[in-house]
Structure formats: structure tokens, C-alpha cells
Amino acid sequence: MRKRNVNLKLKAAIIESGKKYTEVAEAAGISGTNFSRKINGFLLFDEKEMEIISAFLNKEITDIFFLRGGYQLDNMDGSIVKEQ
């Protein structure tokens, strides 16, 4: 069985913001079902979704998401880039 990585930091950020899960999902262009799957670790957020969600919640990407799988935060503009 695959280990799930539930994103508790994202759940906390949503609660702190006072926004609803559906509002965050809509802002990121994700269906409610897929947002639930992503936040509960069954699917992964893509780069654009992480950027949109962090901006919508007024948080830094690294405050909400763990960057792994060859990605890092660009020091110049704060975007997510593939490691070289």
C-alpha cells in the first residue's frame, strides 16, 4: 500500500484564512473531488496549482508545500523550478 502524504500545512492554512476548501479548489481550477484527493495525498498538486493556492492564501509556497522530486524554489523570483 502506498504511503499517503496528507498536507496538514495546507489544511491549516485554509482554516487560518477563513476560506472554504471549495473556494481554494475553484481558485486553482481543480474540481472539489480532485482537490480532496490532492490534499489527502492520493494525487499530487502540480507546480501551477501550488503557485495559485499559495498566492490565494497569501502564503509562501514553502509554508504550505514540501518541494521534492527535483524541484526547488528560485531565489530570484520565488517560482518553482526544476533542479539542474
C-alpha atoms as a PDB file:
ATOM      1  CA  MET A   1       0.000   0.000   0.000  1.00  0.00           C
ATOM      2  CA  ARG A   2       1.308   3.434  -0.976  1.00  0.00           C
ATOM      3  CA  LYS A   3       2.021   5.826   1.880  1.00  0.00           C
ATOM      4  CA  ARG A   4      -0.112   8.941   1.664  1.00  0.00           C
ATOM      5  CA  ASN A   5       1.305  12.364   2.379  1.00  0.00           C
ATOM      6  CA  VAL A   6      -1.626  14.315   3.812  1.00  0.00           C
ATOM      7  CA  ASN A   7      -0.917  18.031   3.527  1.00  0.00           C
ATOM      8  CA  LEU A   8      -1.694  19.228   7.043  1.00  0.00           C
ATOM      9  CA  LYS A   9       0.043  22.564   6.398  1.00  0.00           C
ATOM     10  CA  LEU A  10      -2.365  23.293   3.548  1.00  0.00           C
ATOM     11  CA  LYS A  11      -5.363  22.280   5.652  1.00  0.00           C
ATOM     12  CA  ALA A  12      -4.175  24.608   8.440  1.00  0.00           C
ATOM     13  CA  ALA A  13      -3.557  27.478   6.002  1.00  0.00           C
ATOM     14  CA  ILE A  14      -7.085  27.151   4.618  1.00  0.00           C
ATOM     15  CA  ILE A  15      -8.596  27.179   8.100  1.00  0.00           C
ATOM     16  CA  GLU A  16      -6.443  30.172   9.139  1.00  0.00           C
ATOM     17  CA  SER A  17      -7.507  32.088   6.030  1.00  0.00           C
ATOM     18  CA  GLY A  18     -11.204  31.613   6.787  1.00  0.00           C
ATOM     19  CA  LYS A  19     -11.753  30.360   3.251  1.00  0.00           C
ATOM     20  CA  LYS A  20     -13.604  27.185   2.315  1.00  0.00           C
ATOM     21  CA  TYR A  21     -11.993  24.201   0.582  1.00  0.00           C
ATOM     22  CA  THR A  22     -14.327  24.777  -2.362  1.00  0.00           C
ATOM     23  CA  GLU A  23     -13.100  28.380  -2.752  1.00  0.00           C
ATOM     24  CA  VAL A  24      -9.473  27.262  -2.818  1.00  0.00           C
ATOM     25  CA  ALA A  25     -10.221  24.454  -5.282  1.00  0.00           C
ATOM     26  CA  GLU A  26     -12.106  26.823  -7.569  1.00  0.00           C
ATOM     27  CA  ALA A  27      -9.302  29.407  -7.464  1.00  0.00           C
ATOM     28  CA  ALA A  28      -6.811  26.711  -8.506  1.00  0.00           C
ATOM     29  CA  GLY A  29      -9.113  25.362 -11.225  1.00  0.00           C
ATOM     30  CA  ILE A  30      -9.434  21.960  -9.541  1.00  0.00           C
ATOM     31  CA  SER A  31     -12.661  20.024  -9.032  1.00  0.00           C
ATOM     32  CA  GLY A  32     -13.718  19.519  -5.436  1.00  0.00           C
ATOM     33  CA  THR A  33     -13.143  15.776  -5.743  1.00  0.00           C
ATOM     34  CA  ASN A  34      -9.610  16.127  -7.103  1.00  0.00           C
ATOM     35  CA  PHE A  35      -8.783  18.838  -4.559  1.00  0.00           C
ATOM     36  CA  SER A  36      -9.800  16.450  -1.787  1.00  0.00           C
ATOM     37  CA  ARG A  37      -7.684  13.696  -3.345  1.00  0.00           C
ATOM     38  CA  LYS A  38      -4.708  16.037  -3.613  1.00  0.00           C
ATOM     39  CA  ILE A  39      -4.929  17.491  -0.119  1.00  0.00           C
ATOM     40  CA  ASN A  40      -5.263  13.963   1.309  1.00  0.00           C
ATOM     41  CA  GLY A  41      -2.231  12.667  -0.580  1.00  0.00           C
ATOM     42  CA  PHE A  42      -3.864  10.439  -3.184  1.00  0.00           C
ATOM     43  CA  LEU A  43      -2.836  12.772  -6.043  1.00  0.00           C
ATOM     44  CA  LEU A  44      -0.086  15.399  -6.330  1.00  0.00           C
ATOM     45  CA  PHE A  45      -0.513  19.130  -6.860  1.00  0.00           C
ATOM     46  CA  ASP A  46       1.238  20.414  -9.956  1.00  0.00           C
ATOM     47  CA  GLU A  47       3.508  23.455  -9.974  1.00  0.00           C
ATOM     48  CA  LYS A  48       0.889  25.924 -11.213  1.00  0.00           C
ATOM     49  CA  GLU A  49      -1.681  24.737  -8.648  1.00  0.00           C
ATOM     50  CA  MET A  50       0.832  25.197  -5.831  1.00  0.00           C
ATOM     51  CA  GLU A  51       1.618  28.735  -7.006  1.00  0.00           C
ATOM     52  CA  ILE A  52      -2.068  29.686  -7.329  1.00  0.00           C
ATOM     53  CA  ILE A  53      -3.046  28.186  -3.967  1.00  0.00           C
ATOM     54  CA  SER A  54      -0.194  29.819  -2.062  1.00  0.00           C
ATOM     55  CA  ALA A  55      -0.970  33.216  -3.611  1.00  0.00           C
ATOM     56  CA  PHE A  56      -4.710  32.807  -2.935  1.00  0.00           C
ATOM     57  CA  LEU A  57      -3.968  32.028   0.717  1.00  0.00           C
ATOM     58  CA  ASN A  58      -1.318  34.807   0.964  1.00  0.00           C
ATOM     59  CA  LYS A  59       1.367  32.302   1.980  1.00  0.00           C
ATOM     60  CA  GLU A  60       4.799  31.408   0.682  1.00  0.00           C
ATOM     61  CA  ILE A  61       4.874  28.151  -1.276  1.00  0.00           C
ATOM     62  CA  THR A  62       7.330  26.660   1.194  1.00  0.00           C
ATOM     63  CA  ASP A  63       4.948  27.480   4.068  1.00  0.00           C
ATOM     64  CA  ILE A  64       2.382  25.103   2.571  1.00  0.00           C
ATOM     65  CA  PHE A  65       4.117  22.631   0.262  1.00  0.00           C
ATOM     66  CA  PHE A  66       7.189  20.441   0.610  1.00  0.00           C
ATOM     67  CA  LEU A  67       9.197  20.689  -2.589  1.00  0.00           C
ATOM     68  CA  ARG A  68      10.606  17.352  -3.663  1.00  0.00           C
ATOM     69  CA  GLY A  69      11.123  15.286  -6.756  1.00  0.00           C
ATOM     70  CA  GLY A  70      13.772  17.523  -8.293  1.00  0.00           C
ATOM     71  CA  TYR A  71      12.079  20.885  -7.669  1.00  0.00           C
ATOM     72  CA  GLN A  72      13.370  23.881  -5.773  1.00  0.00           C
ATOM     73  CA  LEU A  73      12.370  27.455  -5.112  1.00  0.00           C
ATOM     74  CA  ASP A  74      14.025  30.023  -7.391  1.00  0.00           C
ATOM     75  CA  ASN A  75      15.767  32.634  -5.228  1.00  0.00           C
ATOM     76  CA  MET A  76      15.294  35.417  -7.758  1.00  0.00           C
ATOM     77  CA  ASP A  77      11.518  35.431  -8.174  1.00  0.00           C
ATOM     78  CA  GLY A  78      10.198  32.745  -5.789  1.00  0.00           C
ATOM     79  CA  SER A  79       8.877  30.490  -8.550  1.00  0.00           C
ATOM     80  CA  ILE A  80       9.256  26.714  -8.520  1.00  0.00           C
ATOM     81  CA  VAL A  81      11.913  25.416 -10.891  1.00  0.00           C
ATOM     82  CA  LYS A  82      13.259  22.002 -11.841  1.00  0.00           C
ATOM     83  CA  GLU A  83      16.683  21.334 -10.295  1.00  0.00           C
ATOM     84  CA  GLN A  84      19.535  21.289 -12.789  1.00  0.00           C
END
